[in-house]
């Protein structure tokens, strides 16, 4: 309760283990928006999700999580510092 007084929380992010209607209703009662990963209770929904993933691959659709690792960070784009010249190789263990 101490944290609730200090922080304005608008969303609740949860894993698929918390995918229950009672939990979502409790979150909405608090005035928050629940963001809960889908956990299909039966095989029909599981098969439907698998076909959706297959359709994404066939269409060439890429999720942001998959593409994000291909981006370079700002530290990788900049020039190397003067104290770290390119001609010096890092020492390996066991070599003088």
Protein backbone atom coordinates (compact mmCIF):
# COMPACT_ATOMS: atom_id res chain seq x y z
CA UNK A 1 0.00 0.00 0.00
CA UNK A 2 2.92 2.35 0.56
CA UNK A 3 3.95 2.00 -3.08
CA UNK A 4 0.40 2.66 -4.25
CA UNK A 5 0.51 6.06 -2.56
CA UNK A 6 3.82 7.04 -4.19
CA UNK A 7 3.30 5.70 -7.73
CA UNK A 8 0.49 6.25 -10.23
CA UNK A 9 0.02 2.83 -11.79
CA UNK A 10 -2.12 2.66 -14.93
CA UNK A 11 -1.28 -0.79 -16.26
CA UNK A 12 -0.60 -4.21 -14.77
CA UNK A 13 1.67 -6.41 -16.89
CA UNK A 14 1.43 -10.13 -16.12
CA UNK A 15 2.53 -13.51 -17.40
CA UNK A 16 0.18 -16.05 -18.97
CA UNK A 17 -0.06 -17.88 -15.63
CA UNK A 18 -2.30 -15.01 -14.45
CA UNK A 19 -4.73 -15.36 -17.38
CA UNK A 20 -7.94 -15.74 -15.37
CA UNK A 21 -11.10 -13.63 -15.59
CA UNK A 22 -11.18 -13.09 -11.82
CA UNK A 23 -7.71 -11.53 -11.86
CA UNK A 24 -8.57 -9.24 -14.78
CA UNK A 25 -11.76 -8.08 -13.03
CA UNK A 26 -9.82 -7.36 -9.82
CA UNK A 27 -7.32 -5.28 -11.76
CA UNK A 28 -10.09 -3.29 -13.45
CA UNK A 29 -11.73 -2.64 -10.07
CA UNK A 30 -8.50 -0.93 -9.02
CA UNK A 31 -8.77 1.30 -12.09
CA UNK A 32 -5.84 -0.30 -13.92
CA UNK A 33 -5.66 -1.81 -17.39
CA UNK A 34 -4.63 -5.48 -17.35
CA UNK A 35 -2.03 -6.60 -19.89
CA UNK A 36 -1.96 -10.38 -19.53
CA UNK A 37 -0.41 -12.83 -21.98
CA UNK A 38 -2.92 -15.26 -23.45
CA UNK A 39 -2.99 -18.78 -22.01
CA UNK A 40 -5.49 -20.81 -24.06
CA UNK A 41 -7.38 -23.31 -21.88
CA UNK A 42 -8.19 -25.79 -24.64
CA UNK A 43 -6.46 -27.30 -27.66
CA UNK A 44 -8.66 -25.43 -30.15
CA UNK A 45 -7.28 -22.06 -29.07
CA UNK A 46 -3.74 -23.43 -28.99
CA UNK A 47 -4.09 -24.67 -32.57
CA UNK A 48 -5.54 -21.30 -33.59
CA UNK A 49 -2.52 -19.48 -32.13
CA UNK A 50 -0.14 -21.88 -33.88
CA UNK A 51 -1.82 -21.26 -37.25
CA UNK A 52 -1.57 -17.52 -36.63
CA UNK A 53 2.17 -17.84 -36.01
CA UNK A 54 2.49 -19.88 -39.21
CA UNK A 55 0.57 -17.26 -41.17
CA UNK A 56 2.86 -14.52 -39.84
CA UNK A 57 5.92 -16.45 -41.01
CA UNK A 58 4.37 -17.07 -44.44
CA UNK A 59 3.53 -13.37 -44.82
CA UNK A 60 7.03 -12.32 -43.73
CA UNK A 61 5.68 -10.46 -40.70
CA UNK A 62 8.28 -9.86 -38.01
CA UNK A 63 7.57 -8.93 -34.42
CA UNK A 64 9.30 -5.93 -32.86
CA UNK A 65 11.09 -8.24 -30.40
CA UNK A 66 12.67 -10.15 -33.31
CA UNK A 67 13.77 -7.05 -35.23
CA UNK A 68 14.99 -5.08 -32.20
CA UNK A 69 18.13 -7.17 -31.80
CA UNK A 70 19.25 -6.24 -35.32
CA UNK A 71 19.50 -2.55 -34.44
CA UNK A 72 22.84 -1.08 -33.40
CA UNK A 73 23.04 0.92 -30.21
CA UNK A 74 24.38 4.46 -30.13
CA UNK A 75 27.58 3.27 -28.44
CA UNK A 76 28.27 0.94 -31.36
CA UNK A 77 27.88 3.74 -33.91
CA UNK A 78 30.29 6.25 -32.40
CA UNK A 79 34.05 6.45 -32.87
CA UNK A 80 36.35 4.48 -30.62
CA UNK A 81 37.97 6.37 -27.75
CA UNK A 82 41.60 7.47 -28.07
CA UNK A 83 42.67 5.16 -25.23
CA UNK A 84 41.47 2.13 -27.15
CA UNK A 85 43.37 2.10 -30.45
CA UNK A 86 42.35 -0.36 -33.11
CA UNK A 87 45.84 -1.78 -33.62
CA UNK A 88 46.16 -3.26 -30.12
CA UNK A 89 44.77 -6.75 -29.73
CA UNK A 90 43.32 -7.77 -26.38
CA UNK A 91 45.48 -10.13 -24.33
CA UNK A 92 44.46 -13.74 -24.06
CA UNK A 93 44.83 -15.86 -20.98
CA UNK A 94 48.15 -17.58 -20.66
CA UNK A 95 50.04 -15.26 -23.01
CA UNK A 96 52.61 -12.71 -21.77
